[in-house]
C-alpha atoms as a PDB file:
ATOM      1  CA  MET A   1       0.000   0.000   0.000  1.00  0.00           C
ATOM      2  CA  LYS A   2       1.186   3.469  -0.845  1.00  0.00           C
ATOM      3  CA  ASN A   3       0.685   6.504   1.380  1.00  0.00           C
ATOM      4  CA  ASN A   4      -1.653   8.003  -1.212  1.00  0.00           C
ATOM      5  CA  ILE A   5      -5.247   6.883  -0.827  1.00  0.00           C
ATOM      6  CA  ALA A   6      -6.167   7.849  -4.392  1.00  0.00           C
ATOM      7  CA  LYS A   7      -3.670   5.288  -5.782  1.00  0.00           C
ATOM      8  CA  ASN A   8      -4.883   2.487  -3.489  1.00  0.00           C
ATOM      9  CA  VAL A   9      -8.600   2.707  -4.290  1.00  0.00           C
ATOM     10  CA  THR A  10     -10.258   1.312  -7.407  1.00  0.00           C
ATOM     11  CA  LEU A  11     -13.602   2.876  -8.142  1.00  0.00           C
ATOM     12  CA  ASP A  12     -16.653   1.295  -9.739  1.00  0.00           C
ATOM     13  CA  PRO A  13     -17.615   2.635 -13.171  1.00  0.00           C
ATOM     14  CA  ASN A  14     -20.587   4.598 -11.776  1.00  0.00           C
ATOM     15  CA  GLU A  15     -18.838   5.701  -8.549  1.00  0.00           C
ATOM     16  CA  LYS A  16     -17.496   9.245  -8.229  1.00  0.00           C
ATOM     17  CA  VAL A  17     -15.110  10.820  -5.740  1.00  0.00           C
ATOM     18  CA  LEU A  18     -17.007  13.512  -3.841  1.00  0.00           C
ATOM     19  CA  LYS A  19     -14.106  14.747  -1.733  1.00  0.00           C
ATOM     20  CA  ASP A  20     -10.575  13.669  -0.831  1.00  0.00           C
ATOM     21  CA  PHE A  21      -8.857  14.788   2.377  1.00  0.00           C
ATOM     22  CA  PRO A  22      -5.140  13.898   2.062  1.00  0.00           C
ATOM     23  CA  LYS A  23      -3.742  16.166   4.796  1.00  0.00           C
ATOM     24  CA  LEU A  24      -5.557  15.112   7.964  1.00  0.00           C
ATOM     25  CA  ARG A  25      -3.477  15.134  11.128  1.00  0.00           C
ATOM     26  CA  ALA A  26      -4.226  12.213  13.419  1.00  0.00           C
ATOM     27  CA  LYS A  27      -2.919  11.510  16.904  1.00  0.00           C
ATOM     28  CA  SER A  28       0.420   9.698  16.434  1.00  0.00           C
ATOM     29  CA  SER A  29      -0.438   8.513  12.923  1.00  0.00           C
ATOM     30  CA  PHE A  30      -0.929   9.525   9.308  1.00  0.00           C
ATOM     31  CA  CYS A  31      -4.525   9.687   8.078  1.00  0.00           C
ATOM     32  CA  GLN A  32      -6.360  10.245   4.796  1.00  0.00           C
ATOM     33  CA  ILE A  33     -10.091  10.091   4.093  1.00  0.00           C
ATOM     34  CA  MET A  34     -11.857   9.758   0.760  1.00  0.00           C
ATOM     35  CA  LEU A  35     -15.596  10.150   0.362  1.00  0.00           C
ATOM     36  CA  THR A  36     -17.111   8.657  -2.764  1.00  0.00           C
ATOM     37  CA  SER A  37     -20.723   8.447  -3.868  1.00  0.00           C
ATOM     38  CA  LYS A  38     -20.979   4.912  -2.381  1.00  0.00           C
ATOM     39  CA  ARG A  39     -18.208   4.475   0.205  1.00  0.00           C
ATOM     40  CA  LEU A  40     -16.285   6.153   2.986  1.00  0.00           C
ATOM     41  CA  ILE A  41     -12.630   5.103   2.801  1.00  0.00           C
ATOM     42  CA  ILE A  42     -10.222   5.818   5.677  1.00  0.00           C
ATOM     43  CA  TYR A  43      -6.496   5.112   5.419  1.00  0.00           C
ATOM     44  CA  THR A  44      -4.278   5.301   8.507  1.00  0.00           C
ATOM     45  CA  PHE A  45      -0.603   4.562   8.969  1.00  0.00           C
ATOM     46  CA  GLY A  46       1.058   4.769  12.353  1.00  0.00           C
ATOM     47  CA  ILE A  47       1.708   3.214  15.713  1.00  0.00           C
ATOM     48  CA  ALA A  48      -1.083   1.094  17.182  1.00  0.00           C
ATOM     49  CA  SER A  49      -1.447  -1.362  20.045  1.00  0.00           C
ATOM     50  CA  ASN A  50      -1.788  -5.058  19.276  1.00  0.00           C
ATOM     51  CA  LYS A  51      -1.948  -7.489  22.229  1.00  0.00           C
ATOM     52  CA  GLY A  52      -0.078  -5.061  24.456  1.00  0.00           C
ATOM     53  CA  ARG A  53       2.698  -4.386  21.932  1.00  0.00           C
ATOM     54  CA  ARG A  54       3.297  -1.227  19.954  1.00  0.00           C
ATOM     55  CA  VAL A  55       3.331  -1.970  16.234  1.00  0.00           C
ATOM     56  CA  ARG A  56       3.385   0.101  13.049  1.00  0.00           C
ATOM     57  CA  ARG A  57       0.188  -0.599  11.176  1.00  0.00           C
ATOM     58  CA  LYS A  58      -1.277   0.361   7.826  1.00  0.00           C
ATOM     59  CA  LEU A  59      -5.045   0.185   7.821  1.00  0.00           C
ATOM     60  CA  MET A  60      -7.465   0.721   4.948  1.00  0.00           C
ATOM     61  CA  HIS A  61     -11.030   0.892   6.230  1.00  0.00           C
ATOM     62  CA  GLU A  62     -13.909   0.948   3.739  1.00  0.00           C
ATOM     63  CA  THR A  63     -17.541   1.411   4.751  1.00  0.00           C
ATOM     64  CA  ASP A  64     -20.621   1.511   2.554  1.00  0.00           C
ATOM     65  CA  LEU A  65     -22.483   4.791   3.091  1.00  0.00           C
ATOM     66  CA  ARG A  66     -25.845   3.029   3.344  1.00  0.00           C
ATOM     67  CA  ALA A  67     -24.536   0.742   6.107  1.00  0.00           C
ATOM     68  CA  ILE A  68     -23.594   3.578   8.471  1.00  0.00           C
ATOM     69  CA  ASN A  69     -26.011   3.709  11.414  1.00  0.00           C
ATOM     70  CA  GLN A  70     -24.346   6.463  13.417  1.00  0.00           C
ATOM     71  CA  PHE A  71     -21.644   9.029  12.682  1.00  0.00           C
ATOM     72  CA  GLU A  72     -20.602  11.169  15.630  1.00  0.00           C
ATOM     73  CA  TYR A  73     -17.731  13.523  16.230  1.00  0.00           C
ATOM     74  CA  TYR A  74     -16.818  15.658  19.203  1.00  0.00           C
ATOM     75  CA  ILE A  75     -13.884  17.467  20.767  1.00  0.00           C
ATOM     76  CA  ASP A  76     -12.636  15.661  23.833  1.00  0.00           C
ATOM     77  CA  TYR A  77     -10.826  17.690  26.539  1.00  0.00           C
ATOM     78  CA  TYR A  78      -8.624  15.900  29.043  1.00  0.00           C
ATOM     79  CA  ARG A  79      -6.045  16.835  31.651  1.00  0.00           C
ATOM     80  CA  ASN A  80      -2.653  15.438  32.490  1.00  0.00           C
ATOM     81  CA  PRO A  81      -2.599  12.361  34.739  1.00  0.00           C
ATOM     82  CA  ILE A  82      -2.620  12.962  38.489  1.00  0.00           C
ATOM     83  CA  TRP A  83       1.072  12.128  38.914  1.00  0.00           C
ATOM     84  CA  ALA A  84       2.002  14.804  36.344  1.00  0.00           C
ATOM     85  CA  ARG A  85      -0.195  17.385  38.089  1.00  0.00           C
ATOM     86  CA  ILE A  86       1.427  16.565  41.458  1.00  0.00           C
ATOM     87  CA  LEU A  87       4.867  16.910  39.850  1.00  0.00           C
ATOM     88  CA  GLY A  88       3.744  20.251  38.387  1.00  0.00           C
ATOM     89  CA  PHE A  89       2.650  21.490  41.806  1.00  0.00           C
ATOM     90  CA  ILE A  90       5.989  20.424  43.328  1.00  0.00           C
ATOM     91  CA  LEU A  91       7.941  22.192  40.553  1.00  0.00           C
ATOM     92  CA  PHE A  92       5.852  25.336  40.974  1.00  0.00           C
ATOM     93  CA  ALA A  93       6.450  25.330  44.739  1.00  0.00           C
ATOM     94  CA  LEU A  94      10.203  24.769  44.200  1.00  0.00           C
ATOM     95  CA  GLY A  95      10.359  27.662  41.727  1.00  0.00           C
ATOM     96  CA  ILE A  96       8.584  30.031  44.135  1.00  0.00           C
ATOM     97  CA  ALA A  97      10.740  28.824  47.078  1.00  0.00           C
ATOM     98  CA  GLY A  98      13.891  29.299  44.981  1.00  0.00           C
ATOM     99  CA  ALA A  99      12.892  32.862  44.089  1.00  0.00           C
ATOM    100  CA  TYR A 100      12.234  33.614  47.763  1.00  0.00           C
ATOM    101  CA  ALA A 101      15.596  32.072  48.749  1.00  0.00           C
ATOM    102  CA  ILE A 102      17.348  34.314  46.206  1.00  0.00           C
ATOM    103  CA  TYR A 103      15.453  37.399  47.390  1.00  0.00           C
ATOM    104  CA  ALA A 104      16.047  36.802  51.128  1.00  0.00           C
ATOM    105  CA  ASN A 105      19.664  35.548  50.730  1.00  0.00           C
ATOM    106  CA  LEU A 106      18.877  32.308  52.591  1.00  0.00           C
ATOM    107  CA  TYR A 107      21.475  30.364  50.617  1.00  0.00           C
ATOM    108  CA  PRO A 108      24.743  31.685  49.182  1.00  0.00           C
ATOM    109  CA  PHE A 109      24.323  30.947  45.484  1.00  0.00           C
ATOM    110  CA  PRO A 110      27.524  31.010  43.382  1.00  0.00           C
ATOM    111  CA  THR A 111      28.101  34.230  41.506  1.00  0.00           C
ATOM    112  CA  TYR A 112      28.612  34.568  37.782  1.00  0.00           C
ATOM    113  CA  PRO A 113      27.949  37.411  35.365  1.00  0.00           C
ATOM    114  CA  TYR A 114      24.296  38.485  35.617  1.00  0.00           C
ATOM    115  CA  SER A 115      23.789  35.918  38.396  1.00  0.00           C
ATOM    116  CA  LEU A 116      21.060  37.904  40.117  1.00  0.00           C
ATOM    117  CA  TYR A 117      18.823  38.023  37.052  1.00  0.00           C
ATOM    118  CA  GLY A 118      19.884  34.556  35.895  1.00  0.00           C
ATOM    119  CA  ASN A 119      18.895  32.947  39.189  1.00  0.00           C
ATOM    120  CA  TYR A 120      15.505  34.655  39.091  1.00  0.00           C
ATOM    121  CA  ALA A 121      15.046  33.541  35.481  1.00  0.00           C
ATOM    122  CA  ILE A 122      15.841  29.918  36.362  1.00  0.00           C
ATOM    123  CA  ALA A 123      13.366  30.002  39.269  1.00  0.00           C
ATOM    124  CA  ALA A 124      10.711  31.548  37.006  1.00  0.00           C
ATOM    125  CA  ILE A 125      11.247  28.913  34.302  1.00  0.00           C
ATOM    126  CA  ILE A 126      10.895  26.106  36.859  1.00  0.00           C
ATOM    127  CA  ALA A 127       7.693  27.692  38.193  1.00  0.00           C
ATOM    128  CA  LEU A 128       6.262  28.104  34.659  1.00  0.00           C
ATOM    129  CA  ILE A 129       7.023  24.470  33.780  1.00  0.00           C
ATOM    130  CA  GLY A 130       5.230  23.464  36.971  1.00  0.00           C
ATOM    131  CA  LEU A 131       2.196  25.591  36.087  1.00  0.00           C
ATOM    132  CA  ARG A 132       2.070  24.080  32.609  1.00  0.00           C
ATOM    133  CA  LEU A 133       2.118  20.554  34.016  1.00  0.00           C
ATOM    134  CA  LEU A 134      -0.510  21.488  36.577  1.00  0.00           C
ATOM    135  CA  PHE A 135      -3.085  23.223  34.349  1.00  0.00           C
ATOM    136  CA  ARG A 136      -2.524  21.902  30.813  1.00  0.00           C
ATOM    137  CA  LEU A 137      -5.614  20.806  28.880  1.00  0.00           C
ATOM    138  CA  ARG A 138      -5.279  18.574  25.839  1.00  0.00           C
ATOM    139  CA  LYS A 139      -7.804  18.277  23.059  1.00  0.00           C
ATOM    140  CA  ALA A 140      -8.630  15.517  20.596  1.00  0.00           C
ATOM    141  CA  LEU A 141     -11.201  15.368  17.818  1.00  0.00           C
ATOM    142  CA  SER A 142     -12.881  11.992  18.242  1.00  0.00           C
ATOM    143  CA  VAL A 143     -14.792  10.415  15.367  1.00  0.00           C
ATOM    144  CA  LYS A 144     -16.890   7.282  15.896  1.00  0.00           C
ATOM    145  CA  ILE A 145     -18.608   5.458  13.077  1.00  0.00           C
ATOM    146  CA  LYS A 146     -21.145   2.711  13.810  1.00  0.00           C
ATOM    147  CA  TYR A 147     -22.057   0.502  10.895  1.00  0.00           C
ATOM    148  CA  GLY A 148     -23.539  -2.924  10.358  1.00  0.00           C
ATOM    149  CA  LEU A 149     -24.863  -4.574  13.495  1.00  0.00           C
ATOM    150  CA  ASN A 150     -22.327  -3.653  16.187  1.00  0.00           C
ATOM    151  CA  ASP A 151     -19.154  -2.665  14.331  1.00  0.00           C
ATOM    152  CA  ILE A 152     -17.510   0.541  15.557  1.00  0.00           C
ATOM    153  CA  PHE A 153     -14.579   2.394  13.993  1.00  0.00           C
ATOM    154  CA  SER A 154     -12.885   5.095  16.081  1.00  0.00           C
ATOM    155  CA  LEU A 155     -10.490   7.741  14.847  1.00  0.00           C
ATOM    156  CA  TYR A 156      -8.666  10.327  16.963  1.00  0.00           C
ATOM    157  CA  LEU A 157      -7.536  13.456  15.154  1.00  0.00           C
ATOM    158  CA  ARG A 158      -5.747  16.582  16.264  1.00  0.00           C
ATOM    159  CA  VAL A 159      -7.925  19.641  16.689  1.00  0.00           C
ATOM    160  CA  THR A 160      -7.175  21.813  13.681  1.00  0.00           C
ATOM    161  CA  LYS A 161      -9.462  23.875  11.496  1.00  0.00           C
ATOM    162  CA  TYR A 162      -8.809  21.624   8.473  1.00  0.00           C
ATOM    163  CA  ASN A 163      -9.682  18.470  10.430  1.00  0.00           C
ATOM    164  CA  GLU A 164     -12.864  19.990  11.844  1.00  0.00           C
ATOM    165  CA  LEU A 165     -14.053  21.205   8.442  1.00  0.00           C
ATOM    166  CA  ALA A 166     -13.262  17.844   6.848  1.00  0.00           C
ATOM    167  CA  ILE A 167     -15.211  15.876   9.457  1.00  0.00           C
ATOM    168  CA  ARG A 168     -18.082  18.361   9.286  1.00  0.00           C
ATOM    169  CA  TYR A 169     -18.230  17.983   5.504  1.00  0.00           C
ATOM    170  CA  ILE A 170     -18.214  14.186   5.733  1.00  0.00           C
ATOM    171  CA  ALA A 171     -20.967  14.266   8.382  1.00  0.00           C
ATOM    172  CA  SER A 172     -23.114  16.468   6.161  1.00  0.00           C
ATOM    173  CA  LYS A 173     -22.842  14.038   3.238  1.00  0.00           C
ATOM    174  CA  ILE A 174     -23.744  10.939   5.260  1.00  0.00           C
ATOM    175  CA  HIS A 175     -27.483  10.444   5.573  1.00  0.00           C
ATOM    176  CA  VAL A 176     -28.288   8.090   8.440  1.00  0.00           C
ATOM    177  CA  ASN A 177     -31.523   6.167   7.943  1.00  0.00           C
ATOM    178  CA  SER A 178     -33.385   6.039  11.244  1.00  0.00           C
END
């Protein structure tokens, strides 16, 4: 398989390509989506988990448009794990304590050119890294496609304007029969 979805797909004589999205940015993988008049074709290439092992996998997923029961997409917000937030709080406290120790001369720090400003800068950088670990929010654009009886295909994309517009366009072209 090539990394170009248009070269990997053979179309029926009466099937037309409605839209091709070759530049989607997925989480830790390469992704392309092609929407034809009959099928939704998703090509991914990247690291996946298989029986607890990390493997590089190429996946071509084709779904008939009439078989899709549910197509949902949403932006998922999540925080760092608790151990990273605790580490961030500790780094923030160390940065503030270091700045106070420099200000009150509690510890004789070695001198070098611009040591006063340099020591404050180092303490500020440590405190800012701690704040970033403590309050960072991550986002992912999650796409779930239910088709057939109970088959589910999930795709996790980065939140960019191109990805959002592509998924919105695909959702508008899929007509779910209720």
